[in-house]
Amino acid sequence: MNIEYIKTVLEFIGLLFIPVIAWVLNTINHHSKKIIVLEERVNDSINRRLTNLETKFETFDKKLDEVNVSTIKVANLVDAKK
């Protein structure tokens, strides 16, 4: 094999594959940015839902405490009447 032939083949391969590799890397970079934005949106949505659930549970706990206090007051009144 002639060295000039090998050099020509390698240059041809370089002409074909270097732009393809650059395009693939650029596409990966572009998609990774989109994935990061999507992840941020999903995290924001999850945080909003968790905050909403926490608020509902806090409200539920307050209502339970009110019911327990009312039950204790009624039980004390019943005991006092005996």
Protein backbone atom coordinates (compact mmCIF):
# COMPACT_ATOMS: atom_id res chain seq x y z
CA MET A 1 0.00 0.00 0.00
CA ASN A 2 1.16 3.42 -0.86
CA ILE A 3 1.34 6.03 1.93
CA GLU A 4 -0.24 8.63 -0.35
CA TYR A 5 -3.22 6.31 -0.88
CA ILE A 6 -3.69 5.84 2.87
CA LYS A 7 -3.39 9.58 3.42
CA THR A 8 -6.01 10.27 0.72
CA VAL A 9 -8.42 7.70 2.22
CA LEU A 10 -8.01 9.17 5.70
CA GLU A 11 -8.61 12.69 4.42
CA PHE A 12 -11.75 11.50 2.63
CA ILE A 13 -12.97 9.79 5.79
CA GLY A 14 -12.22 12.97 7.72
CA LEU A 15 -14.22 15.02 5.24
CA LEU A 16 -17.21 12.75 5.74
CA PHE A 17 -17.14 11.97 9.44
CA ILE A 18 -15.96 15.20 11.06
CA PRO A 19 -19.06 17.17 9.99
CA VAL A 20 -21.28 14.23 10.95
CA ILE A 21 -19.67 14.00 14.39
CA ALA A 22 -19.95 17.77 14.85
CA TRP A 23 -23.66 17.62 13.91
CA VAL A 24 -24.27 14.72 16.33
CA LEU A 25 -22.53 16.54 19.19
CA ASN A 26 -24.43 19.75 18.42
CA THR A 27 -27.73 17.83 18.39
CA ILE A 28 -26.91 16.14 21.69
CA ASN A 29 -26.07 19.51 23.23
CA HIS A 30 -29.31 21.05 21.93
CA HIS A 31 -31.45 18.17 23.19
CA SER A 32 -29.74 18.17 26.57
CA LYS A 33 -30.71 21.84 27.00
CA LYS A 34 -34.32 20.94 26.17
CA ILE A 35 -34.22 18.07 28.64
CA ILE A 36 -32.93 20.41 31.37
CA VAL A 37 -35.78 22.87 30.69
CA LEU A 38 -38.31 20.02 30.76
CA GLU A 39 -36.85 18.72 34.03
CA GLU A 40 -37.19 22.18 35.58
CA ARG A 41 -40.83 22.38 34.48
CA VAL A 42 -41.56 18.94 35.91
CA ASN A 43 -39.85 19.82 39.20
CA ASP A 44 -41.84 23.06 39.44
CA SER A 45 -45.06 21.16 38.83
CA ILE A 46 -44.20 18.57 41.46
CA ASN A 47 -43.27 21.28 43.96
CA ARG A 48 -46.59 23.07 43.35
CA ARG A 49 -48.53 19.86 43.87
CA LEU A 50 -46.59 18.99 47.03
CA THR A 51 -47.17 22.47 48.42
CA ASN A 52 -50.86 22.13 47.65
CA LEU A 53 -50.98 18.74 49.41
CA GLU A 54 -49.11 20.13 52.43
CA THR A 55 -51.62 22.97 52.68
CA LYS A 56 -54.52 20.52 52.50
CA PHE A 57 -52.99 18.31 55.18
CA GLU A 58 -52.34 21.31 57.44
CA THR A 59 -55.97 22.37 57.04
CA PHE A 60 -57.11 18.81 57.71
CA ASP A 61 -54.94 18.63 60.84
CA LYS A 62 -56.41 21.91 62.12
CA LYS A 63 -59.94 20.63 61.55
CA LEU A 64 -59.10 17.39 63.37
CA ASP A 65 -57.70 19.37 66.29
CA GLU A 66 -60.88 21.46 66.40
CA VAL A 67 -63.03 18.31 66.39
CA ASN A 68 -60.89 16.77 69.15
CA VAL A 69 -61.16 19.91 71.27
CA SER A 70 -64.93 20.01 70.73
CA THR A 71 -65.21 16.33 71.64
CA ILE A 72 -63.21 16.86 74.82
CA LYS A 73 -65.38 19.86 75.77
CA VAL A 74 -68.55 17.83 75.20
CA ALA A 75 -67.14 14.92 77.19
CA ASN A 76 -66.26 17.30 80.07
CA LEU A 77 -69.77 18.78 80.01
CA VAL A 78 -71.31 15.32 80.12
CA ASP A 79 -69.03 14.32 83.00
CA ALA A 80 -69.87 17.56 84.84
CA LYS A 81 -73.62 16.90 84.59
CA LYS A 82 -73.26 13.46 86.18
